[in-house]
Amino acid sequence: MITQTCPHCKSTRCKRFGTNRSGSARGRCNDCNKTFTPDPNSRAMTAPKEGQIVAALQERISQRGIARTFKVARLTIRNLRKKAPLA
């Protein structure tokens, strides 16, 4: 059982209910049957990873290759390219 309280009804009768997309544990309240994430992980891109992607773009590596290597979507690569113009 998850030791956290339900954020909706404040009940302590909660159980584990799998994980979300970022890998955080999910919980489900036994009283109100609502699901929640006690301590969510951020899925935002970190500044160092963004810098590595921009550096790879400056090295003229393909966008598909960068997306595969860094496990991000190709749209993310395109948006970074527009945000940080290459020299």
C-alpha atoms as a PDB file:
ATOM      1  CA  MET A   1       0.000   0.000   0.000  1.00  0.00           C
ATOM      2  CA  ILE A   2       1.113   3.530  -0.714  1.00  0.00           C
ATOM      3  CA  THR A   3       1.580   5.433   2.535  1.00  0.00           C
ATOM      4  CA  GLN A   4       0.456   8.712   0.961  1.00  0.00           C
ATOM      5  CA  THR A   5      -2.996  10.189   1.363  1.00  0.00           C
ATOM      6  CA  CYS A   6      -5.419  10.693  -1.496  1.00  0.00           C
ATOM      7  CA  PRO A   7      -5.235  14.313  -2.737  1.00  0.00           C
ATOM      8  CA  HIS A   8      -8.948  14.216  -3.615  1.00  0.00           C
ATOM      9  CA  CYS A   9     -10.662  12.834  -0.480  1.00  0.00           C
ATOM     10  CA  LYS A  10      -7.704  12.794   1.984  1.00  0.00           C
ATOM     11  CA  SER A  11      -8.173   9.070   2.687  1.00  0.00           C
ATOM     12  CA  THR A  12      -5.163   6.951   3.680  1.00  0.00           C
ATOM     13  CA  ARG A  13      -6.587   3.778   2.104  1.00  0.00           C
ATOM     14  CA  CYS A  14      -4.567   3.867  -1.122  1.00  0.00           C
ATOM     15  CA  LYS A  15      -2.863   1.161  -3.151  1.00  0.00           C
ATOM     16  CA  ARG A  16      -0.248   1.056  -5.891  1.00  0.00           C
ATOM     17  CA  PHE A  17      -1.732   1.389  -9.376  1.00  0.00           C
ATOM     18  CA  GLY A  18       1.179   0.969 -11.812  1.00  0.00           C
ATOM     19  CA  THR A  19       3.376   3.705 -13.262  1.00  0.00           C
ATOM     20  CA  ASN A  20       2.885   6.687 -15.534  1.00  0.00           C
ATOM     21  CA  ARG A  21       4.815   7.544 -18.712  1.00  0.00           C
ATOM     22  CA  SER A  22       7.742   9.082 -16.833  1.00  0.00           C
ATOM     23  CA  GLY A  23       8.109   6.028 -14.570  1.00  0.00           C
ATOM     24  CA  SER A  24       6.625   7.542 -11.405  1.00  0.00           C
ATOM     25  CA  ALA A  25       4.511   5.299  -9.197  1.00  0.00           C
ATOM     26  CA  ARG A  26       0.735   5.788  -9.490  1.00  0.00           C
ATOM     27  CA  GLY A  27      -1.766   5.306  -6.706  1.00  0.00           C
ATOM     28  CA  ARG A  28      -5.473   4.604  -6.490  1.00  0.00           C
ATOM     29  CA  CYS A  29      -7.734   5.493  -3.610  1.00  0.00           C
ATOM     30  CA  ASN A  30      -9.904   2.645  -2.309  1.00  0.00           C
ATOM     31  CA  ASP A  31     -12.577   5.087  -1.124  1.00  0.00           C
ATOM     32  CA  CYS A  32     -13.120   7.420  -4.096  1.00  0.00           C
ATOM     33  CA  ASN A  33     -11.449   5.213  -6.811  1.00  0.00           C
ATOM     34  CA  LYS A  34      -9.535   8.176  -8.238  1.00  0.00           C
ATOM     35  CA  THR A  35      -5.949   7.750  -9.407  1.00  0.00           C
ATOM     36  CA  PHE A  36      -3.063  10.078  -8.594  1.00  0.00           C
ATOM     37  CA  THR A  37       0.718  10.392  -8.777  1.00  0.00           C
ATOM     38  CA  PRO A  38       2.210  11.099  -5.321  1.00  0.00           C
ATOM     39  CA  ASP A  39       5.633  12.380  -6.493  1.00  0.00           C
ATOM     40  CA  PRO A  40       5.578  13.030 -10.259  1.00  0.00           C
ATOM     41  CA  ASN A  41       8.829  13.139 -12.251  1.00  0.00           C
ATOM     42  CA  SER A  42       9.342  15.945 -14.719  1.00  0.00           C
ATOM     43  CA  ARG A  43       9.516  14.969 -18.385  1.00  0.00           C
ATOM     44  CA  ALA A  44      10.968  18.327 -19.431  1.00  0.00           C
ATOM     45  CA  MET A  45      14.263  18.331 -21.300  1.00  0.00           C
ATOM     46  CA  THR A  46      17.266  19.282 -19.188  1.00  0.00           C
ATOM     47  CA  ALA A  47      19.612  22.066 -20.246  1.00  0.00           C
ATOM     48  CA  PRO A  48      22.662  19.737 -20.638  1.00  0.00           C
ATOM     49  CA  LYS A  49      20.721  17.375 -22.906  1.00  0.00           C
ATOM     50  CA  GLU A  50      19.477  20.321 -24.958  1.00  0.00           C
ATOM     51  CA  GLY A  51      23.074  21.544 -25.319  1.00  0.00           C
ATOM     52  CA  GLN A  52      24.229  18.109 -26.478  1.00  0.00           C
ATOM     53  CA  ILE A  53      21.485  18.010 -29.101  1.00  0.00           C
ATOM     54  CA  VAL A  54      22.389  21.480 -30.391  1.00  0.00           C
ATOM     55  CA  ALA A  55      26.060  20.414 -30.542  1.00  0.00           C
ATOM     56  CA  ALA A  56      25.079  17.320 -32.534  1.00  0.00           C
ATOM     57  CA  LEU A  57      23.083  19.522 -34.923  1.00  0.00           C
ATOM     58  CA  GLN A  58      26.147  21.732 -35.402  1.00  0.00           C
ATOM     59  CA  GLU A  59      28.151  18.596 -36.260  1.00  0.00           C
ATOM     60  CA  ARG A  60      25.639  18.039 -39.097  1.00  0.00           C
ATOM     61  CA  ILE A  61      24.371  14.707 -37.731  1.00  0.00           C
ATOM     62  CA  SER A  62      20.977  13.750 -39.163  1.00  0.00           C
ATOM     63  CA  GLN A  63      17.890  14.679 -37.186  1.00  0.00           C
ATOM     64  CA  ARG A  64      16.679  11.077 -37.227  1.00  0.00           C
ATOM     65  CA  GLY A  65      20.022   9.903 -35.844  1.00  0.00           C
ATOM     66  CA  ILE A  66      19.957  12.507 -33.085  1.00  0.00           C
ATOM     67  CA  ALA A  67      16.367  11.583 -32.185  1.00  0.00           C
ATOM     68  CA  ARG A  68      17.321   7.905 -31.950  1.00  0.00           C
ATOM     69  CA  THR A  69      20.462   8.579 -29.910  1.00  0.00           C
ATOM     70  CA  PHE A  70      18.879  10.935 -27.371  1.00  0.00           C
ATOM     71  CA  LYS A  71      15.459   9.179 -27.338  1.00  0.00           C
ATOM     72  CA  VAL A  72      13.466  12.287 -28.211  1.00  0.00           C
ATOM     73  CA  ALA A  73      10.926  12.962 -30.941  1.00  0.00           C
ATOM     74  CA  ARG A  74      12.022  14.381 -34.289  1.00  0.00           C
ATOM     75  CA  LEU A  75       9.672  17.300 -33.717  1.00  0.00           C
ATOM     76  CA  THR A  76      11.685  18.164 -30.597  1.00  0.00           C
ATOM     77  CA  ILE A  77      14.859  18.252 -32.697  1.00  0.00           C
ATOM     78  CA  ARG A  78      13.210  20.556 -35.242  1.00  0.00           C
ATOM     79  CA  ASN A  79      11.944  22.880 -32.531  1.00  0.00           C
ATOM     80  CA  LEU A  80      15.421  23.083 -30.989  1.00  0.00           C
ATOM     81  CA  ARG A  81      16.902  23.850 -34.391  1.00  0.00           C
ATOM     82  CA  LYS A  82      14.509  26.774 -34.800  1.00  0.00           C
ATOM     83  CA  LYS A  83      15.101  27.978 -31.238  1.00  0.00           C
ATOM     84  CA  ALA A  84      18.920  27.877 -31.412  1.00  0.00           C
ATOM     85  CA  PRO A  85      20.023  28.858 -34.946  1.00  0.00           C
ATOM     86  CA  LEU A  86      23.127  27.053 -36.138  1.00  0.00           C
ATOM     87  CA  ALA A  87      26.250  29.064 -36.851  1.00  0.00           C
END
